[in-house]
PDB file of N, CA and C in Angstrom:
ATOM      1  N   UNK A   1      10.368  -5.418  10.652  1.00  0.00           N
ATOM      2  CA  UNK A   1      10.912  -4.609   9.842  1.00  0.00           C
ATOM      3  C   UNK A   1      12.401  -5.545   9.994  1.00  0.00           C
ATOM      4  N   UNK A   2      13.226  -5.781   8.725  1.00  0.00           N
ATOM      5  CA  UNK A   2      14.144  -6.867   8.733  1.00  0.00           C
ATOM      6  C   UNK A   2      15.575  -5.772   9.387  1.00  0.00           C
ATOM      7  N   UNK A   3      16.205  -6.613   9.830  1.00  0.00           N
ATOM      8  CA  UNK A   3      17.670  -6.242  10.134  1.00  0.00           C
ATOM      9  C   UNK A   3      19.088  -6.046   9.307  1.00  0.00           C
ATOM     10  N   UNK A   4      19.990  -5.403   9.099  1.00  0.00           N
ATOM     11  CA  UNK A   4      21.045  -5.272   8.102  1.00  0.00           C
ATOM     12  C   UNK A   4      22.144  -5.412   8.903  1.00  0.00           C
ATOM     13  N   UNK A   5      22.781  -5.773   8.485  1.00  0.00           N
ATOM     14  CA  UNK A   5      24.672  -6.110   9.127  1.00  0.00           C
ATOM     15  C   UNK A   5      25.504  -5.382   8.462  1.00  0.00           C
ATOM     16  N   UNK A   6      26.466  -4.883   8.806  1.00  0.00           N
ATOM     17  CA  UNK A   6      27.846  -4.326   7.726  1.00  0.00           C
ATOM     18  C   UNK A   6      28.316  -5.582   7.704  1.00  0.00           C
ATOM     19  N   UNK A   7      28.778  -6.002   6.165  1.00  0.00           N
ATOM     20  CA  UNK A   7      29.848  -7.197   6.063  1.00  0.00           C
ATOM     21  C   UNK A   7      30.911  -6.872   6.574  1.00  0.00           C
ATOM     22  N   UNK A   8      31.391  -5.448   7.034  1.00  0.00           N
ATOM     23  CA  UNK A   8      32.911  -5.035   6.974  1.00  0.00           C
ATOM     24  C   UNK A   8      33.256  -5.192   8.734  1.00  0.00           C
ATOM     25  N   UNK A   9      32.216  -4.363   9.417  1.00  0.00           N
ATOM     26  CA  UNK A   9      32.443  -4.185  11.076  1.00  0.00           C
ATOM     27  C   UNK A   9      31.430  -4.885  11.954  1.00  0.00           C
ATOM     28  N   UNK A  10      30.299  -5.593  11.294  1.00  0.00           N
ATOM     29  CA  UNK A  10      29.532  -5.925  12.056  1.00  0.00           C
ATOM     30  C   UNK A  10      28.264  -5.240  12.566  1.00  0.00           C
ATOM     31  N   UNK A  11      28.544  -4.239  12.359  1.00  0.00           N
ATOM     32  CA  UNK A  11      27.253  -3.153  12.961  1.00  0.00           C
ATOM     33  C   UNK A  11      26.059  -3.772  12.112  1.00  0.00           C
ATOM     34  N   UNK A  12      24.907  -3.882  13.045  1.00  0.00           N
ATOM     35  CA  UNK A  12      23.704  -3.900  12.895  1.00  0.00           C
ATOM     36  C   UNK A  12      22.514  -2.745  12.645  1.00  0.00           C
ATOM     37  N   UNK A  13      22.129  -2.372  11.673  1.00  0.00           N
ATOM     38  CA  UNK A  13      21.091  -1.486  11.641  1.00  0.00           C
ATOM     39  C   UNK A  13      19.864  -1.730  12.092  1.00  0.00           C
ATOM     40  N   UNK A  14      19.333  -1.643  12.795  1.00  0.00           N
ATOM     41  CA  UNK A  14      17.798  -2.034  13.711  1.00  0.00           C
ATOM     42  C   UNK A  14      16.712  -0.901  13.036  1.00  0.00           C
ATOM     43  N   UNK A  15      15.664  -0.991  12.183  1.00  0.00           N
ATOM     44  CA  UNK A  15      14.598   0.359  12.019  1.00  0.00           C
ATOM     45  C   UNK A  15      13.908   0.437  13.383  1.00  0.00           C
ATOM     46  N   UNK A  16      14.397  -0.317  14.395  1.00  0.00           N
ATOM     47  CA  UNK A  16      12.954  -0.180  15.412  1.00  0.00           C
ATOM     48  C   UNK A  16      14.001   0.497  16.492  1.00  0.00           C
ATOM     49  N   UNK A  17      15.197   1.091  16.211  1.00  0.00           N
ATOM     50  CA  UNK A  17      16.362   1.639  16.811  1.00  0.00           C
ATOM     51  C   UNK A  17      16.679   3.283  16.019  1.00  0.00           C
ATOM     52  N   UNK A  18      16.477   3.179  14.768  1.00  0.00           N
ATOM     53  CA  UNK A  18      17.407   3.922  13.847  1.00  0.00           C
ATOM     54  C   UNK A  18      18.746   4.144  13.862  1.00  0.00           C
ATOM     55  N   UNK A  19      19.110   5.219  13.678  1.00  0.00           N
ATOM     56  CA  UNK A  19      20.461   5.598  13.492  1.00  0.00           C
ATOM     57  C   UNK A  19      20.620   6.833  13.927  1.00  0.00           C
ATOM     58  N   UNK A  20      20.867   7.306  15.556  1.00  0.00           N
ATOM     59  CA  UNK A  20      20.911   8.754  16.343  1.00  0.00           C
ATOM     60  C   UNK A  20      22.476   9.314  15.813  1.00  0.00           C
ATOM     61  N   UNK A  21      23.422   8.220  15.367  1.00  0.00           N
ATOM     62  CA  UNK A  21      24.675   9.267  15.150  1.00  0.00           C
ATOM     63  C   UNK A  21      24.172   9.674  13.603  1.00  0.00           C
ATOM     64  N   UNK A  22      23.842   9.111  12.772  1.00  0.00           N
ATOM     65  CA  UNK A  22      23.457   9.714  11.727  1.00  0.00           C
ATOM     66  C   UNK A  22      22.116  10.217  11.411  1.00  0.00           C
ATOM     67  N   UNK A  23      21.690  10.766  12.415  1.00  0.00           N
ATOM     68  CA  UNK A  23      20.375  11.342  12.522  1.00  0.00           C
ATOM     69  C   UNK A  23      18.802  10.732  11.765  1.00  0.00           C
ATOM     70  N   UNK A  24      18.920   9.254  11.884  1.00  0.00           N
ATOM     71  CA  UNK A  24      17.730   8.750  11.216  1.00  0.00           C
ATOM     72  C   UNK A  24      16.758   8.143  12.242  1.00  0.00           C
ATOM     73  N   UNK A  25      15.901   8.493  12.582  1.00  0.00           N
ATOM     74  CA  UNK A  25      14.660   8.370  13.338  1.00  0.00           C
ATOM     75  C   UNK A  25      14.357   6.563  13.359  1.00  0.00           C
ATOM     76  N   UNK A  26      13.776   6.424  14.846  1.00  0.00           N
ATOM     77  CA  UNK A  26      13.386   5.223  14.634  1.00  0.00           C
ATOM     78  C   UNK A  26      12.086   4.803  13.754  1.00  0.00           C
ATOM     79  N   UNK A  27      12.079   3.423  13.417  1.00  0.00           N
ATOM     80  CA  UNK A  27      10.679   3.351  12.446  1.00  0.00           C
ATOM     81  C   UNK A  27      11.332   3.323  11.055  1.00  0.00           C
ATOM     82  N   UNK A  28      12.472   3.677  10.568  1.00  0.00           N
ATOM     83  CA  UNK A  28      13.049   3.895   9.066  1.00  0.00           C
ATOM     84  C   UNK A  28      13.568   2.678   8.538  1.00  0.00           C
ATOM     85  N   UNK A  29      12.772   2.022   7.706  1.00  0.00           N
ATOM     86  CA  UNK A  29      13.046   0.658   7.094  1.00  0.00           C
ATOM     87  C   UNK A  29      14.622   0.885   6.321  1.00  0.00           C
ATOM     88  N   UNK A  30      15.656   0.160   6.423  1.00  0.00           N
ATOM     89  CA  UNK A  30      16.870   0.002   5.886  1.00  0.00           C
ATOM     90  C   UNK A  30      16.891   0.424   3.994  1.00  0.00           C
ATOM     91  N   UNK A  31      15.718  -0.467   3.548  1.00  0.00           N
ATOM     92  CA  UNK A  31      15.346  -0.054   2.210  1.00  0.00           C
ATOM     93  C   UNK A  31      14.925   1.606   1.979  1.00  0.00           C
ATOM     94  N   UNK A  32      14.720   2.555   2.950  1.00  0.00           N
ATOM     95  CA  UNK A  32      14.343   3.808   3.157  1.00  0.00           C
ATOM     96  C   UNK A  32      15.497   4.890   3.433  1.00  0.00           C
ATOM     97  N   UNK A  33      16.367   3.996   3.909  1.00  0.00           N
ATOM     98  CA  UNK A  33      17.674   5.135   3.942  1.00  0.00           C
ATOM     99  C   UNK A  33      18.295   5.690   2.844  1.00  0.00           C
ATOM    100  N   UNK A  34      18.327   7.250   3.135  1.00  0.00           N
ATOM    101  CA  UNK A  34      19.116   7.911   1.837  1.00  0.00           C
ATOM    102  C   UNK A  34      20.094   6.908   1.057  1.00  0.00           C
ATOM    103  N   UNK A  35      20.559   7.237  -0.193  1.00  0.00           N
ATOM    104  CA  UNK A  35      21.246   6.535  -0.906  1.00  0.00           C
ATOM    105  C   UNK A  35      22.605   6.996  -0.417  1.00  0.00           C
ATOM    106  N   UNK A  36      22.925   8.119   0.105  1.00  0.00           N
ATOM    107  CA  UNK A  36      24.366   8.456   0.983  1.00  0.00           C
ATOM    108  C   UNK A  36      24.259   7.990   2.257  1.00  0.00           C
ATOM    109  N   UNK A  37      23.738   7.355   3.009  1.00  0.00           N
ATOM    110  CA  UNK A  37      23.571   6.949   4.254  1.00  0.00           C
ATOM    111  C   UNK A  37      24.943   5.849   4.527  1.00  0.00           C
ATOM    112  N   UNK A  38      25.535   5.939   5.487  1.00  0.00           N
ATOM    113  CA  UNK A  38      26.922   5.255   5.531  1.00  0.00           C
ATOM    114  C   UNK A  38      26.652   4.498   7.206  1.00  0.00           C
ATOM    115  N   UNK A  39      27.520   3.408   7.267  1.00  0.00           N
ATOM    116  CA  UNK A  39      27.723   2.786   8.514  1.00  0.00           C
ATOM    117  C   UNK A  39      28.220   4.071   9.387  1.00  0.00           C
ATOM    118  N   UNK A  40      27.567   3.777  10.638  1.00  0.00           N
ATOM    119  CA  UNK A  40      28.080   5.178  11.815  1.00  0.00           C
ATOM    120  C   UNK A  40      29.515   4.211  12.119  1.00  0.00           C
ATOM    121  N   UNK A  41      29.259   3.091  12.149  1.00  0.00           N
ATOM    122  CA  UNK A  41      31.184   2.565  12.788  1.00  0.00           C
ATOM    123  C   UNK A  41      32.591   2.717  11.748  1.00  0.00           C
ATOM    124  N   UNK A  42      32.363   2.631  10.603  1.00  0.00           N
ATOM    125  CA  UNK A  42      33.368   1.818   9.613  1.00  0.00           C
ATOM    126  C   UNK A  42      32.741   2.963   8.552  1.00  0.00           C
ATOM    127  N   UNK A  43      31.737   3.509   8.127  1.00  0.00           N
ATOM    128  CA  UNK A  43      31.991   4.538   6.828  1.00  0.00           C
ATOM    129  C   UNK A  43      31.316   4.020   5.469  1.00  0.00           C
ATOM    130  N   UNK A  44      31.182   2.273   5.449  1.00  0.00           N
ATOM    131  CA  UNK A  44      31.052   1.632   4.112  1.00  0.00           C
ATOM    132  C   UNK A  44      29.550   1.984   4.021  1.00  0.00           C
ATOM    133  N   UNK A  45      29.213   1.820   2.537  1.00  0.00           N
ATOM    134  CA  UNK A  45      27.917   2.096   2.003  1.00  0.00           C
ATOM    135  C   UNK A  45      26.758   1.381   2.242  1.00  0.00           C
ATOM    136  N   UNK A  46      25.867   1.129   1.698  1.00  0.00           N
ATOM    137  CA  UNK A  46      24.573   0.547   2.178  1.00  0.00           C
ATOM    138  C   UNK A  46      24.754  -0.839   1.004  1.00  0.00           C
ATOM    139  N   UNK A  47      25.611  -0.703   0.282  1.00  0.00           N
ATOM    140  CA  UNK A  47      25.987  -2.308  -0.595  1.00  0.00           C
ATOM    141  C   UNK A  47      26.507  -3.249   0.252  1.00  0.00           C
ATOM    142  N   UNK A  48      27.032  -2.365   1.164  1.00  0.00           N
ATOM    143  CA  UNK A  48      28.172  -3.494   1.659  1.00  0.00           C
ATOM    144  C   UNK A  48      27.272  -4.340   3.134  1.00  0.00           C
ATOM    145  N   UNK A  49      26.470  -3.891   3.122  1.00  0.00           N
ATOM    146  CA  UNK A  49      24.668  -4.488   4.317  1.00  0.00           C
ATOM    147  C   UNK A  49      24.579  -5.677   3.703  1.00  0.00           C
ATOM    148  N   UNK A  50      24.599  -6.706   4.553  1.00  0.00           N
ATOM    149  CA  UNK A  50      23.149  -7.921   4.306  1.00  0.00           C
ATOM    150  C   UNK A  50      22.242  -8.252   5.330  1.00  0.00           C
ATOM    151  N   UNK A  51      21.026  -8.625   4.628  1.00  0.00           N
ATOM    152  CA  UNK A  51      20.007  -8.776   5.529  1.00  0.00           C
ATOM    153  C   UNK A  51      20.867 -10.054   6.531  1.00  0.00           C
ATOM    154  N   UNK A  52      20.049  -9.362   7.977  1.00  0.00           N
ATOM    155  CA  UNK A  52      20.125 -10.484   8.759  1.00  0.00           C
ATOM    156  C   UNK A  52      19.256 -11.840   9.226  1.00  0.00           C
ATOM    157  N   UNK A  53      20.029 -12.898   8.923  1.00  0.00           N
ATOM    158  CA  UNK A  53      19.511 -13.826   9.333  1.00  0.00           C
ATOM    159  C   UNK A  53      18.779 -14.508  10.575  1.00  0.00           C
TER     160      UNK A  53
END
């Protein structure tokens, strides 16, 4: 699964780890995150993330 990086603060969403701050279990792909999910560090929306190269 692909990792995505926040363009505002650099936080990397790693689907293998999930997001314990927002109660997202490991194994959830970025595309499958809820539409209202936000960066746990700076609070921006999914639209402000880009696929990590």
